């Protein structure tokens, strides 16, 4: 079973505004309201790919109720813990200006609530997969993911971490199976700006030296790089297509990689599935469906990338 953890789920209000102007009233030309948060995105894409999984984490208030209602309607099994105080955050994402968003803070999570989550994680067993993804509320320590991995040490669980800065660095000593920084997050760790896939490779390997088994680096329109656990290095440009909505593309890449790995235990196939899923979500209004992922994968297979089989 795959489990995802999202400490800070959201309702994502994705809007388009023609000719956006600061200091003036702007009106939307299109709107979407979707459940969000990196772990939930991974869960939803895994569900779209036909892979059963359970979403863990925290929700609060009327927004939390709506998050649960929406993900369950999409077929995701929810085991999210309700919090009595506060409300789950609403994130505003301005689709017409790529990369522009305002993210809420989310509710404060108490030690008692964290204990409830830890107790749920204790049921994980050999062969299970745990995805720790996204930010945590400011009220929590930045070694939260490390604490989870320490608690599960010895359970022989495959753990995936998609996070930034210290939240990611702190877990490396516990040898996560996969980490998925993007090129900007990787650059923040090493104080470098990456523009090409070739520049990323030595630093992905450094992350392996620090403890990660596999390092998958997403680079939006530049494609992606994988430093694999068997010592191989894979890189690929982004498939051709029109960017429609970049929200959740990196999370979709994680889901696609996991789906590919579980299917064949082959790094080339997993890498191709990751890129196909990430790109398919970027080319779609919503998170990628199985049919959309398969269409992009087929495009890659018949291209010049011979390892996509």
C-alpha atoms as a PDB file:
ATOM      1  CA  UNK A   1       0.000   0.000   0.000  1.00  0.00           C
ATOM      2  CA  UNK A   2       1.118   3.542  -0.731  1.00  0.00           C
ATOM      3  CA  UNK A   3       0.460   6.215   1.885  1.00  0.00           C
ATOM      4  CA  UNK A   4       0.905   9.934   1.329  1.00  0.00           C
ATOM      5  CA  UNK A   5       1.265  12.552   4.061  1.00  0.00           C
ATOM      6  CA  UNK A   6       0.181  16.152   3.572  1.00  0.00           C
ATOM      7  CA  UNK A   7       0.586  18.258   6.706  1.00  0.00           C
ATOM      8  CA  UNK A   8      -0.952  21.328   5.140  1.00  0.00           C
ATOM      9  CA  UNK A   9      -3.651  20.435   2.564  1.00  0.00           C
ATOM     10  CA  UNK A  10      -5.423  23.236   0.750  1.00  0.00           C
ATOM     11  CA  UNK A  11      -8.204  24.269  -1.523  1.00  0.00           C
ATOM     12  CA  UNK A  12      -6.457  25.709  -4.566  1.00  0.00           C
ATOM     13  CA  UNK A  13      -8.365  28.550  -6.220  1.00  0.00           C
ATOM     14  CA  UNK A  14      -6.815  28.703  -9.688  1.00  0.00           C
ATOM     15  CA  UNK A  15      -7.838  31.802 -11.613  1.00  0.00           C
ATOM     16  CA  UNK A  16      -7.032  33.529 -14.872  1.00  0.00           C
ATOM     17  CA  UNK A  17      -7.099  37.323 -15.113  1.00  0.00           C
ATOM     18  CA  UNK A  18      -6.598  39.047 -18.432  1.00  0.00           C
ATOM     19  CA  UNK A  19      -4.289  42.087 -18.194  1.00  0.00           C
ATOM     20  CA  UNK A  20      -3.732  41.817 -14.426  1.00  0.00           C
ATOM     21  CA  UNK A  21      -2.981  45.226 -12.860  1.00  0.00           C
ATOM     22  CA  UNK A  22      -1.751  45.942  -9.346  1.00  0.00           C
ATOM     23  CA  UNK A  23      -3.785  48.384  -7.259  1.00  0.00           C
ATOM     24  CA  UNK A  24      -6.923  47.999  -9.336  1.00  0.00           C
ATOM     25  CA  UNK A  25      -9.958  45.706  -9.308  1.00  0.00           C
ATOM     26  CA  UNK A  26      -9.299  42.689 -11.537  1.00  0.00           C
ATOM     27  CA  UNK A  27     -11.921  40.194 -12.643  1.00  0.00           C
ATOM     28  CA  UNK A  28     -11.359  36.549 -13.399  1.00  0.00           C
ATOM     29  CA  UNK A  29     -11.924  35.063 -16.831  1.00  0.00           C
ATOM     30  CA  UNK A  30     -11.734  31.460 -15.606  1.00  0.00           C
ATOM     31  CA  UNK A  31     -11.730  29.705 -12.239  1.00  0.00           C
ATOM     32  CA  UNK A  32     -11.049  26.261 -10.810  1.00  0.00           C
ATOM     33  CA  UNK A  33     -11.375  25.133  -7.196  1.00  0.00           C
ATOM     34  CA  UNK A  34      -9.393  21.967  -6.478  1.00  0.00           C
ATOM     35  CA  UNK A  35      -8.060  20.068  -3.474  1.00  0.00           C
ATOM     36  CA  UNK A  36      -4.341  20.684  -3.209  1.00  0.00           C
ATOM     37  CA  UNK A  37      -1.178  20.022  -1.303  1.00  0.00           C
ATOM     38  CA  UNK A  38       1.719  18.009  -2.679  1.00  0.00           C
ATOM     39  CA  UNK A  39       0.859  14.730  -0.977  1.00  0.00           C
ATOM     40  CA  UNK A  40      -2.782  14.940  -2.036  1.00  0.00           C
ATOM     41  CA  UNK A  41      -1.707  15.648  -5.609  1.00  0.00           C
ATOM     42  CA  UNK A  42       0.437  12.503  -5.555  1.00  0.00           C
ATOM     43  CA  UNK A  43      -2.538  10.534  -4.198  1.00  0.00           C
ATOM     44  CA  UNK A  44      -4.897  11.858  -6.863  1.00  0.00           C
ATOM     45  CA  UNK A  45      -2.547  11.063  -9.758  1.00  0.00           C
ATOM     46  CA  UNK A  46      -1.794   7.598  -8.355  1.00  0.00           C
ATOM     47  CA  UNK A  47      -5.557   7.065  -8.195  1.00  0.00           C
ATOM     48  CA  UNK A  48      -5.897   8.205 -11.801  1.00  0.00           C
ATOM     49  CA  UNK A  49      -3.236   5.633 -12.730  1.00  0.00           C
ATOM     50  CA  UNK A  50      -5.221   2.898 -10.996  1.00  0.00           C
ATOM     51  CA  UNK A  51      -2.968   2.557  -7.944  1.00  0.00           C
ATOM     52  CA  UNK A  52      -4.731   2.291  -4.607  1.00  0.00           C
ATOM     53  CA  UNK A  53      -3.389   4.575  -1.893  1.00  0.00           C
ATOM     54  CA  UNK A  54      -4.357   6.296   1.345  1.00  0.00           C
ATOM     55  CA  UNK A  55      -4.027  10.025   2.057  1.00  0.00           C
ATOM     56  CA  UNK A  56      -2.877  10.945   5.564  1.00  0.00           C
ATOM     57  CA  UNK A  57      -2.440  14.371   7.126  1.00  0.00           C
ATOM     58  CA  UNK A  58      -4.577  17.055   8.746  1.00  0.00           C
ATOM     59  CA  UNK A  59      -7.645  19.099   7.835  1.00  0.00           C
ATOM     60  CA  UNK A  60      -9.575  21.767   9.721  1.00  0.00           C
ATOM     61  CA  UNK A  61     -12.819  23.708   9.438  1.00  0.00           C
ATOM     62  CA  UNK A  62     -15.180  24.074   6.497  1.00  0.00           C
ATOM     63  CA  UNK A  63     -12.324  24.061   3.997  1.00  0.00           C
ATOM     64  CA  UNK A  64     -11.061  20.815   5.472  1.00  0.00           C
ATOM     65  CA  UNK A  65     -14.506  19.259   5.061  1.00  0.00           C
ATOM     66  CA  UNK A  66     -14.533  20.338   1.424  1.00  0.00           C
ATOM     67  CA  UNK A  67     -11.043  18.915   0.806  1.00  0.00           C
ATOM     68  CA  UNK A  68     -12.137  15.518   2.140  1.00  0.00           C
ATOM     69  CA  UNK A  69     -15.382  15.600   0.149  1.00  0.00           C
ATOM     70  CA  UNK A  70     -13.580  16.388  -3.082  1.00  0.00           C
ATOM     71  CA  UNK A  71     -10.753  13.852  -2.801  1.00  0.00           C
ATOM     72  CA  UNK A  72     -13.146  11.066  -1.816  1.00  0.00           C
ATOM     73  CA  UNK A  73     -15.339  11.948  -4.804  1.00  0.00           C
ATOM     74  CA  UNK A  74     -12.193  11.472  -6.927  1.00  0.00           C
ATOM     75  CA  UNK A  75     -11.706   7.995  -5.468  1.00  0.00           C
ATOM     76  CA  UNK A  76      -8.872   8.735  -3.025  1.00  0.00           C
ATOM     77  CA  UNK A  77      -9.103   6.926   0.297  1.00  0.00           C
ATOM     78  CA  UNK A  78      -8.913   9.584   3.024  1.00  0.00           C
ATOM     79  CA  UNK A  79      -7.598   9.024   6.534  1.00  0.00           C
ATOM     80  CA  UNK A  80      -6.998  12.731   7.199  1.00  0.00           C
ATOM     81  CA  UNK A  81      -7.121  13.783  10.853  1.00  0.00           C
ATOM     82  CA  UNK A  82      -9.597  16.590  11.696  1.00  0.00           C
ATOM     83  CA  UNK A  83      -8.243  19.453  13.823  1.00  0.00           C
ATOM     84  CA  UNK A  84     -10.617  21.406  16.069  1.00  0.00           C
ATOM     85  CA  UNK A  85      -8.998  24.828  15.660  1.00  0.00           C
ATOM     86  CA  UNK A  86      -8.517  26.950  12.551  1.00  0.00           C
ATOM     87  CA  UNK A  87      -9.283  26.139   8.927  1.00  0.00           C
ATOM     88  CA  UNK A  88      -7.352  24.432   6.171  1.00  0.00           C
ATOM     89  CA  UNK A  89      -5.739  26.978   3.905  1.00  0.00           C
ATOM     90  CA  UNK A  90      -6.944  28.410   0.609  1.00  0.00           C
ATOM     91  CA  UNK A  91      -4.212  29.041  -1.973  1.00  0.00           C
ATOM     92  CA  UNK A  92      -4.737  31.557  -4.748  1.00  0.00           C
ATOM     93  CA  UNK A  93      -2.886  30.657  -7.950  1.00  0.00           C
ATOM     94  CA  UNK A  94      -2.851  33.153 -10.819  1.00  0.00           C
ATOM     95  CA  UNK A  95      -2.797  30.943 -13.878  1.00  0.00           C
ATOM     96  CA  UNK A  96      -2.389  33.792 -16.361  1.00  0.00           C
ATOM     97  CA  UNK A  97       0.976  34.761 -14.805  1.00  0.00           C
ATOM     98  CA  UNK A  98       2.880  31.481 -14.529  1.00  0.00           C
ATOM     99  CA  UNK A  99       4.350  30.824 -11.102  1.00  0.00           C
ATOM    100  CA  UNK A 100       2.392  33.595  -9.348  1.00  0.00           C
ATOM    101  CA  UNK A 101       0.501  32.423  -6.279  1.00  0.00           C
ATOM    102  CA  UNK A 102      -0.420  33.375  -2.727  1.00  0.00           C
ATOM    103  CA  UNK A 103      -0.437  30.444  -0.328  1.00  0.00           C
ATOM    104  CA  UNK A 104      -2.208  30.456   3.036  1.00  0.00           C
ATOM    105  CA  UNK A 105      -0.633  29.436   6.356  1.00  0.00           C
ATOM    106  CA  UNK A 106      -2.993  26.697   7.481  1.00  0.00           C
ATOM    107  CA  UNK A 107      -3.980  25.690  11.018  1.00  0.00           C
ATOM    108  CA  UNK A 108      -1.642  25.157  13.944  1.00  0.00           C
ATOM    109  CA  UNK A 109      -0.978  21.469  14.552  1.00  0.00           C
ATOM    110  CA  UNK A 110      -0.482  20.428  18.169  1.00  0.00           C
ATOM    111  CA  UNK A 111       1.811  17.718  19.504  1.00  0.00           C
ATOM    112  CA  UNK A 112      -1.306  15.708  20.346  1.00  0.00           C
ATOM    113  CA  UNK A 113      -2.355  15.774  16.713  1.00  0.00           C
ATOM    114  CA  UNK A 114       1.142  14.816  15.584  1.00  0.00           C
ATOM    115  CA  UNK A 115       0.953  11.865  17.982  1.00  0.00           C
ATOM    116  CA  UNK A 116      -2.279  10.726  16.284  1.00  0.00           C
ATOM    117  CA  UNK A 117      -0.523  10.783  12.918  1.00  0.00           C
ATOM    118  CA  UNK A 118       2.456   8.855  14.265  1.00  0.00           C
ATOM    119  CA  UNK A 119       0.109   6.175  15.591  1.00  0.00           C
ATOM    120  CA  UNK A 120      -1.446   5.817  12.134  1.00  0.00           C
ATOM    121  CA  UNK A 121       2.032   5.491  10.601  1.00  0.00           C
ATOM    122  CA  UNK A 122       2.911   2.711  13.031  1.00  0.00           C
ATOM    123  CA  UNK A 123       0.680   0.322  11.061  1.00  0.00           C
ATOM    124  CA  UNK A 124       2.905   0.553   7.965  1.00  0.00           C
ATOM    125  CA  UNK A 125       4.629  -2.728   7.204  1.00  0.00           C
ATOM    126  CA  UNK A 126       7.340  -4.233   5.028  1.00  0.00           C
ATOM    127  CA  UNK A 127       6.820  -3.337   1.379  1.00  0.00           C
ATOM    128  CA  UNK A 128       4.638  -0.302   2.004  1.00  0.00           C
ATOM    129  CA  UNK A 129       5.509   3.067   0.458  1.00  0.00           C
ATOM    130  CA  UNK A 130       5.304   6.389   2.307  1.00  0.00           C
ATOM    131  CA  UNK A 131       5.344   9.734   0.479  1.00  0.00           C
ATOM    132  CA  UNK A 132       6.177  12.794   2.592  1.00  0.00           C
ATOM    133  CA  UNK A 133       5.450  15.823   0.460  1.00  0.00           C
ATOM    134  CA  UNK A 134       5.186  19.567   0.746  1.00  0.00           C
ATOM    135  CA  UNK A 135       5.590  22.226   3.378  1.00  0.00           C
ATOM    136  CA  UNK A 136       4.632  22.058   7.031  1.00  0.00           C
ATOM    137  CA  UNK A 137       2.921  24.771   9.088  1.00  0.00           C
ATOM    138  CA  UNK A 138       5.203  27.360  10.678  1.00  0.00           C
ATOM    139  CA  UNK A 139       4.242  26.053  14.114  1.00  0.00           C
ATOM    140  CA  UNK A 140       6.080  22.783  13.463  1.00  0.00           C
ATOM    141  CA  UNK A 141       9.830  22.021  13.634  1.00  0.00           C
ATOM    142  CA  UNK A 142      11.703  21.728  10.346  1.00  0.00           C
ATOM    143  CA  UNK A 143      12.901  18.237  11.270  1.00  0.00           C
ATOM    144  CA  UNK A 144       9.352  16.829  11.237  1.00  0.00           C
ATOM    145  CA  UNK A 145       9.994  14.500   8.327  1.00  0.00           C
ATOM    146  CA  UNK A 146      13.206  13.341   9.997  1.00  0.00           C
ATOM    147  CA  UNK A 147      11.234  12.464  13.144  1.00  0.00           C
ATOM    148  CA  UNK A 148       8.852  10.360  11.079  1.00  0.00           C
ATOM    149  CA  UNK A 149      11.696   8.512   9.376  1.00  0.00           C
ATOM    150  CA  UNK A 150      13.400   7.877  12.707  1.00  0.00           C
ATOM    151  CA  UNK A 151      10.192   6.406  14.085  1.00  0.00           C
ATOM    152  CA  UNK A 152       9.810   4.096  11.090  1.00  0.00           C
ATOM    153  CA  UNK A 153      13.466   3.033  10.961  1.00  0.00           C
ATOM    154  CA  UNK A 154      13.717  -0.729  10.670  1.00  0.00           C
ATOM    155  CA  UNK A 155      10.202  -1.157   9.220  1.00  0.00           C
ATOM    156  CA  UNK A 156      11.674  -1.701   5.725  1.00  0.00           C
ATOM    157  CA  UNK A 157       9.400   0.929   4.212  1.00  0.00           C
ATOM    158  CA  UNK A 158      10.214   2.713   0.962  1.00  0.00           C
ATOM    159  CA  UNK A 159      10.078   6.438   1.732  1.00  0.00           C
ATOM    160  CA  UNK A 160       9.795   9.265  -0.798  1.00  0.00           C
ATOM    161  CA  UNK A 161      10.413  12.889   0.219  1.00  0.00           C
ATOM    162  CA  UNK A 162       9.403  15.893  -1.885  1.00  0.00           C
ATOM    163  CA  UNK A 163      10.287  18.956   0.154  1.00  0.00           C
ATOM    164  CA  UNK A 164      12.607  21.952   0.205  1.00  0.00           C
ATOM    165  CA  UNK A 165      15.527  23.310   2.213  1.00  0.00           C
ATOM    166  CA  UNK A 166      16.093  21.958   5.732  1.00  0.00           C
ATOM    167  CA  UNK A 167      12.968  19.807   5.647  1.00  0.00           C
ATOM    168  CA  UNK A 168      14.639  17.816   2.859  1.00  0.00           C
ATOM    169  CA  UNK A 169      18.258  17.996   4.004  1.00  0.00           C
ATOM    170  CA  UNK A 170      17.447  16.697   7.493  1.00  0.00           C
ATOM    171  CA  UNK A 171      16.105  13.377   6.131  1.00  0.00           C
ATOM    172  CA  UNK A 172      19.071  12.440   3.963  1.00  0.00           C
ATOM    173  CA  UNK A 173      20.957  10.599   6.700  1.00  0.00           C
ATOM    174  CA  UNK A 174      18.022   8.157   6.850  1.00  0.00           C
ATOM    175  CA  UNK A 175      18.457   7.207   3.166  1.00  0.00           C
ATOM    176  CA  UNK A 176      15.073   7.924   1.576  1.00  0.00           C
ATOM    177  CA  UNK A 177      14.399   5.809  -1.501  1.00  0.00           C
ATOM    178  CA  UNK A 178      13.595   8.897  -3.582  1.00  0.00           C
ATOM    179  CA  UNK A 179      13.821  12.650  -3.206  1.00  0.00           C
ATOM    180  CA  UNK A 180      12.409  15.027  -5.814  1.00  0.00           C
ATOM    181  CA  UNK A 181      13.664  18.596  -5.558  1.00  0.00           C
ATOM    182  CA  UNK A 182      13.173  20.905  -8.506  1.00  0.00           C
ATOM    183  CA  UNK A 183      16.175  22.784  -9.879  1.00  0.00           C
ATOM    184  CA  UNK A 184      15.367  25.899  -7.817  1.00  0.00           C
ATOM    185  CA  UNK A 185      15.093  23.926  -4.567  1.00  0.00           C
ATOM    186  CA  UNK A 186      18.340  22.108  -5.340  1.00  0.00           C
ATOM    187  CA  UNK A 187      19.954  25.467  -6.086  1.00  0.00           C
ATOM    188  CA  UNK A 188      18.821  26.882  -2.737  1.00  0.00           C
ATOM    189  CA  UNK A 189      20.543  24.030  -0.919  1.00  0.00           C
ATOM    190  CA  UNK A 190      23.891  24.560  -2.660  1.00  0.00           C
ATOM    191  CA  UNK A 191      23.671  28.304  -3.341  1.00  0.00           C
ATOM    192  CA  UNK A 192      23.783  27.841  -7.117  1.00  0.00           C
ATOM    193  CA  UNK A 193      21.439  28.708  -9.984  1.00  0.00           C
ATOM    194  CA  UNK A 194      20.948  25.800 -12.396  1.00  0.00           C
ATOM    195  CA  UNK A 195      19.927  26.406 -15.981  1.00  0.00           C
ATOM    196  CA  UNK A 196      20.845  23.170 -17.769  1.00  0.00           C
ATOM    197  CA  UNK A 197      20.436  19.487 -17.011  1.00  0.00           C
ATOM    198  CA  UNK A 198      24.183  18.998 -17.280  1.00  0.00           C
ATOM    199  CA  UNK A 199      24.766  21.487 -14.450  1.00  0.00           C
ATOM    200  CA  UNK A 200      22.349  19.593 -12.201  1.00  0.00           C
ATOM    201  CA  UNK A 201      23.992  16.158 -12.479  1.00  0.00           C
ATOM    202  CA  UNK A 202      26.972  16.607 -10.095  1.00  0.00           C
ATOM    203  CA  UNK A 203      24.752  18.147  -7.436  1.00  0.00           C
ATOM    204  CA  UNK A 204      22.169  15.382  -7.732  1.00  0.00           C
ATOM    205  CA  UNK A 205      25.064  13.013  -7.083  1.00  0.00           C
ATOM    206  CA  UNK A 206      26.065  15.097  -4.057  1.00  0.00           C
ATOM    207  CA  UNK A 207      22.576  14.546  -2.656  1.00  0.00           C
ATOM    208  CA  UNK A 208      23.204  10.827  -3.064  1.00  0.00           C
ATOM    209  CA  UNK A 209      26.492  11.169  -1.203  1.00  0.00           C
ATOM    210  CA  UNK A 210      24.505  12.862   1.574  1.00  0.00           C
ATOM    211  CA  UNK A 211      22.245   9.802   1.817  1.00  0.00           C
ATOM    212  CA  UNK A 212      19.459   9.759  -0.801  1.00  0.00           C
ATOM    213  CA  UNK A 213      19.170   6.556  -2.844  1.00  0.00           C
ATOM    214  CA  UNK A 214      17.575   8.138  -5.926  1.00  0.00           C
ATOM    215  CA  UNK A 215      17.495  11.845  -6.777  1.00  0.00           C
ATOM    216  CA  UNK A 216      14.923  13.021  -9.315  1.00  0.00           C
ATOM    217  CA  UNK A 217      15.272  16.694 -10.255  1.00  0.00           C
ATOM    218  CA  UNK A 218      12.426  18.340 -12.156  1.00  0.00           C
ATOM    219  CA  UNK A 219      13.275  21.356 -14.319  1.00  0.00           C
ATOM    220  CA  UNK A 220       9.927  22.400 -15.849  1.00  0.00           C
ATOM    221  CA  UNK A 221      10.484  23.153 -19.552  1.00  0.00           C
ATOM    222  CA  UNK A 222      14.101  21.925 -19.402  1.00  0.00           C
ATOM    223  CA  UNK A 223      13.039  18.367 -18.584  1.00  0.00           C
ATOM    224  CA  UNK A 224      14.422  16.305 -15.715  1.00  0.00           C
ATOM    225  CA  UNK A 225      17.462  14.467 -14.351  1.00  0.00           C
ATOM    226  CA  UNK A 226      17.622  11.213 -12.395  1.00  0.00           C
ATOM    227  CA  UNK A 227      20.646  10.101 -10.424  1.00  0.00           C
ATOM    228  CA  UNK A 228      19.637   6.491  -9.846  1.00  0.00           C
ATOM    229  CA  UNK A 229      20.475   4.144  -7.018  1.00  0.00           C
ATOM    230  CA  UNK A 230      22.411   1.789  -9.295  1.00  0.00           C
ATOM    231  CA  UNK A 231      24.867   4.554 -10.243  1.00  0.00           C
ATOM    232  CA  UNK A 232      23.280   5.372 -13.596  1.00  0.00           C
ATOM    233  CA  UNK A 233      22.316   8.905 -14.600  1.00  0.00           C
ATOM    234  CA  UNK A 234      19.355   9.692 -16.816  1.00  0.00           C
ATOM    235  CA  UNK A 235      18.347  12.996 -18.333  1.00  0.00           C
ATOM    236  CA  UNK A 236      15.658  13.981 -20.771  1.00  0.00           C
ATOM    237  CA  UNK A 237      14.270  17.195 -22.273  1.00  0.00           C
ATOM    238  CA  UNK A 238      10.634  17.994 -21.632  1.00  0.00           C
ATOM    239  CA  UNK A 239       8.141  16.434 -24.081  1.00  0.00           C
ATOM    240  CA  UNK A 240       6.604  18.891 -26.502  1.00  0.00           C
ATOM    241  CA  UNK A 241       3.219  20.290 -25.626  1.00  0.00           C
ATOM    242  CA  UNK A 242       1.362  23.439 -24.611  1.00  0.00           C
ATOM    243  CA  UNK A 243       1.656  24.478 -20.970  1.00  0.00           C
ATOM    244  CA  UNK A 244      -1.883  24.805 -19.629  1.00  0.00           C
ATOM    245  CA  UNK A 245      -1.497  24.523 -15.867  1.00  0.00           C
ATOM    246  CA  UNK A 246       1.817  23.872 -14.098  1.00  0.00           C
ATOM    247  CA  UNK A 247       0.210  23.331 -10.673  1.00  0.00           C
ATOM    248  CA  UNK A 248       0.877  19.780  -9.494  1.00  0.00           C
ATOM    249  CA  UNK A 249       3.227  18.829 -12.339  1.00  0.00           C
ATOM    250  CA  UNK A 250       6.104  18.010  -9.975  1.00  0.00           C
ATOM    251  CA  UNK A 251       3.813  15.970  -7.735  1.00  0.00           C
ATOM    252  CA  UNK A 252       2.543  14.131 -10.793  1.00  0.00           C
ATOM    253  CA  UNK A 253       6.152  13.301 -11.645  1.00  0.00           C
ATOM    254  CA  UNK A 254       6.550  11.642  -8.238  1.00  0.00           C
ATOM    255  CA  UNK A 255       3.363   9.632  -8.777  1.00  0.00           C
ATOM    256  CA  UNK A 256       4.418   8.607 -12.275  1.00  0.00           C
ATOM    257  CA  UNK A 257       7.884   7.543 -11.114  1.00  0.00           C
ATOM    258  CA  UNK A 258       6.396   5.430  -8.322  1.00  0.00           C
ATOM    259  CA  UNK A 259       3.874   3.853 -10.693  1.00  0.00           C
ATOM    260  CA  UNK A 260       6.623   3.007 -13.186  1.00  0.00           C
ATOM    261  CA  UNK A 261       8.943   1.615 -10.515  1.00  0.00           C
ATOM    262  CA  UNK A 262       6.249  -0.555  -8.968  1.00  0.00           C
ATOM    263  CA  UNK A 263       5.346  -1.904 -12.394  1.00  0.00           C
ATOM    264  CA  UNK A 264       8.820  -2.973 -13.592  1.00  0.00           C
ATOM    265  CA  UNK A 265      11.497  -2.022 -11.003  1.00  0.00           C
ATOM    266  CA  UNK A 266      13.339  -0.452 -13.933  1.00  0.00           C
ATOM    267  CA  UNK A 267      14.871   3.029 -13.620  1.00  0.00           C
ATOM    268  CA  UNK A 268      14.445   3.939 -17.278  1.00  0.00           C
ATOM    269  CA  UNK A 269      10.761   3.047 -17.261  1.00  0.00           C
ATOM    270  CA  UNK A 270      10.172   4.804 -13.927  1.00  0.00           C
ATOM    271  CA  UNK A 271      11.949   7.936 -15.171  1.00  0.00           C
ATOM    272  CA  UNK A 272       9.896   7.986 -18.374  1.00  0.00           C
ATOM    273  CA  UNK A 273       6.662   7.459 -16.445  1.00  0.00           C
ATOM    274  CA  UNK A 274       7.595  10.306 -14.109  1.00  0.00           C
ATOM    275  CA  UNK A 275       8.241  12.705 -16.952  1.00  0.00           C
ATOM    276  CA  UNK A 276       5.136  11.567 -18.828  1.00  0.00           C
ATOM    277  CA  UNK A 277       2.895  12.101 -15.786  1.00  0.00           C
ATOM    278  CA  UNK A 278       4.429  15.473 -14.921  1.00  0.00           C
ATOM    279  CA  UNK A 279       4.152  16.700 -18.490  1.00  0.00           C
ATOM    280  CA  UNK A 280       0.618  15.357 -18.941  1.00  0.00           C
ATOM    281  CA  UNK A 281      -0.527  17.332 -15.891  1.00  0.00           C
ATOM    282  CA  UNK A 282       1.211  20.467 -17.188  1.00  0.00           C
ATOM    283  CA  UNK A 283      -0.607  20.059 -20.515  1.00  0.00           C
ATOM    284  CA  UNK A 284      -4.021  19.686 -18.821  1.00  0.00           C
ATOM    285  CA  UNK A 285      -6.430  21.871 -16.846  1.00  0.00           C
ATOM    286  CA  UNK A 286      -6.547  19.174 -14.158  1.00  0.00           C
ATOM    287  CA  UNK A 287      -4.139  16.546 -12.854  1.00  0.00           C
ATOM    288  CA  UNK A 288      -3.284  13.986 -15.505  1.00  0.00           C
ATOM    289  CA  UNK A 289      -5.527  11.049 -16.276  1.00  0.00           C
ATOM    290  CA  UNK A 290      -4.154   7.628 -17.164  1.00  0.00           C
ATOM    291  CA  UNK A 291      -5.031   8.172 -20.821  1.00  0.00           C
ATOM    292  CA  UNK A 292      -3.164  11.498 -20.894  1.00  0.00           C
ATOM    293  CA  UNK A 293      -0.071   9.977 -19.272  1.00  0.00           C
ATOM    294  CA  UNK A 294      -0.093   7.077 -21.726  1.00  0.00           C
ATOM    295  CA  UNK A 295      -0.369   9.493 -24.665  1.00  0.00           C
ATOM    296  CA  UNK A 296       2.709  11.458 -23.570  1.00  0.00           C
ATOM    297  CA  UNK A 297       4.614   8.245 -22.806  1.00  0.00           C
ATOM    298  CA  UNK A 298       3.837   6.978 -26.306  1.00  0.00           C
ATOM    299  CA  UNK A 299       5.168  10.235 -27.767  1.00  0.00           C
ATOM    300  CA  UNK A 300       8.399   9.779 -25.800  1.00  0.00           C
ATOM    301  CA  UNK A 301       8.708   6.101 -26.758  1.00  0.00           C
ATOM    302  CA  UNK A 302       8.574   6.877 -30.449  1.00  0.00           C
ATOM    303  CA  UNK A 303      10.979   9.777 -30.087  1.00  0.00           C
ATOM    304  CA  UNK A 304      14.740   9.629 -29.721  1.00  0.00           C
ATOM    305  CA  UNK A 305      14.704   8.505 -26.086  1.00  0.00           C
ATOM    306  CA  UNK A 306      15.408   4.800 -26.585  1.00  0.00           C
ATOM    307  CA  UNK A 307      15.056   3.816 -22.904  1.00  0.00           C
ATOM    308  CA  UNK A 308      11.339   4.624 -22.883  1.00  0.00           C
ATOM    309  CA  UNK A 309      10.066   1.173 -23.800  1.00  0.00           C
END
